[in-house]
Amino acid sequence: MYGVNASGAMVGVYGATQPITHAFLLQDGQYQDISNPFGTQTNALAINDVGSIDDRQCGLGVVV
């Protein structure tokens, strides 16, 4: 897990084998994979209080 916002939403990265990584969001007890379906490396490094997720290099631009 890399980031948590004021409402408790959490983001992070998981992966079984390198360099393949996937990003996740855990919010209100619900887990969601937010990985790029066309990529092999997705990051979720931070989440702000509005719900914008910082993916730094992957271009997800996710707002929840």
Protein backbone atom coordinates (compact mmCIF):
# COMPACT_ATOMS: atom_id res chain seq x y z
CA MET A 1 0.00 0.00 0.00
CA TYR A 2 1.32 3.42 -0.94
CA GLY A 3 -1.34 6.00 -0.16
CA VAL A 4 -4.30 6.70 2.12
CA ASN A 5 -6.55 9.76 2.01
CA ALA A 6 -8.57 11.45 4.77
CA SER A 7 -11.63 9.26 4.15
CA GLY A 8 -9.57 6.06 4.43
CA ALA A 9 -9.39 5.13 0.73
CA MET A 10 -6.17 3.20 0.08
CA VAL A 11 -4.17 2.64 -3.10
CA GLY A 12 -1.23 0.43 -3.83
CA VAL A 13 0.49 -2.00 -6.15
CA TYR A 14 0.71 -5.77 -6.28
CA GLY A 15 2.40 -8.18 -8.62
CA ALA A 16 3.22 -11.85 -8.83
CA THR A 17 6.21 -11.51 -11.14
CA GLN A 18 8.35 -8.53 -12.06
CA PRO A 19 8.09 -6.39 -14.11
CA ILE A 20 4.32 -6.99 -14.19
CA THR A 21 2.51 -4.90 -11.58
CA HIS A 22 -1.15 -4.06 -10.97
CA ALA A 23 -2.76 -1.19 -9.08
CA PHE A 24 -5.61 -1.42 -6.60
CA LEU A 25 -8.05 0.80 -4.73
CA LEU A 26 -9.58 -0.22 -1.40
CA GLN A 27 -12.46 2.06 -0.47
CA ASP A 28 -15.37 1.54 1.93
CA GLY A 29 -14.42 -2.13 2.28
CA GLN A 30 -14.57 -2.70 -1.48
CA TYR A 31 -11.48 -3.82 -3.42
CA GLN A 32 -11.08 -2.68 -7.03
CA ASP A 33 -8.32 -3.51 -9.49
CA ILE A 34 -7.56 -0.25 -11.31
CA SER A 35 -4.85 -1.61 -13.59
CA ASN A 36 -4.42 -0.59 -17.19
CA PRO A 37 -5.80 -3.61 -19.10
CA PHE A 38 -3.43 -2.94 -22.00
CA GLY A 39 -0.24 -2.50 -19.99
CA THR A 40 2.09 -4.63 -17.94
CA GLN A 41 2.97 -2.09 -15.27
CA THR A 42 0.41 0.04 -13.46
CA ASN A 43 1.17 2.07 -10.35
CA ALA A 44 -1.07 3.73 -7.76
CA LEU A 45 1.27 5.72 -5.58
CA ALA A 46 -0.97 8.23 -3.78
CA ILE A 47 -4.59 9.32 -3.45
CA ASN A 48 -5.73 12.79 -2.46
CA ASP A 49 -8.84 13.77 -0.52
CA VAL A 50 -10.81 14.37 -3.74
CA GLY A 51 -10.03 10.83 -4.90
CA SER A 52 -7.51 11.57 -7.64
CA ILE A 53 -4.91 8.82 -7.86
CA ASP A 54 -1.28 9.58 -8.67
CA ASP A 55 0.01 6.96 -11.08
CA ARG A 56 3.12 8.99 -12.06
CA GLN A 57 3.93 7.23 -15.32
CA CYS A 58 0.99 5.14 -16.40
CA GLY A 59 -1.62 7.75 -17.30
CA LEU A 60 -4.63 6.25 -15.53
CA GLY A 61 -6.02 9.60 -14.41
CA VAL A 62 -8.50 7.82 -12.16
CA VAL A 63 -10.92 9.82 -10.03
CA VAL A 64 -13.20 7.90 -7.68
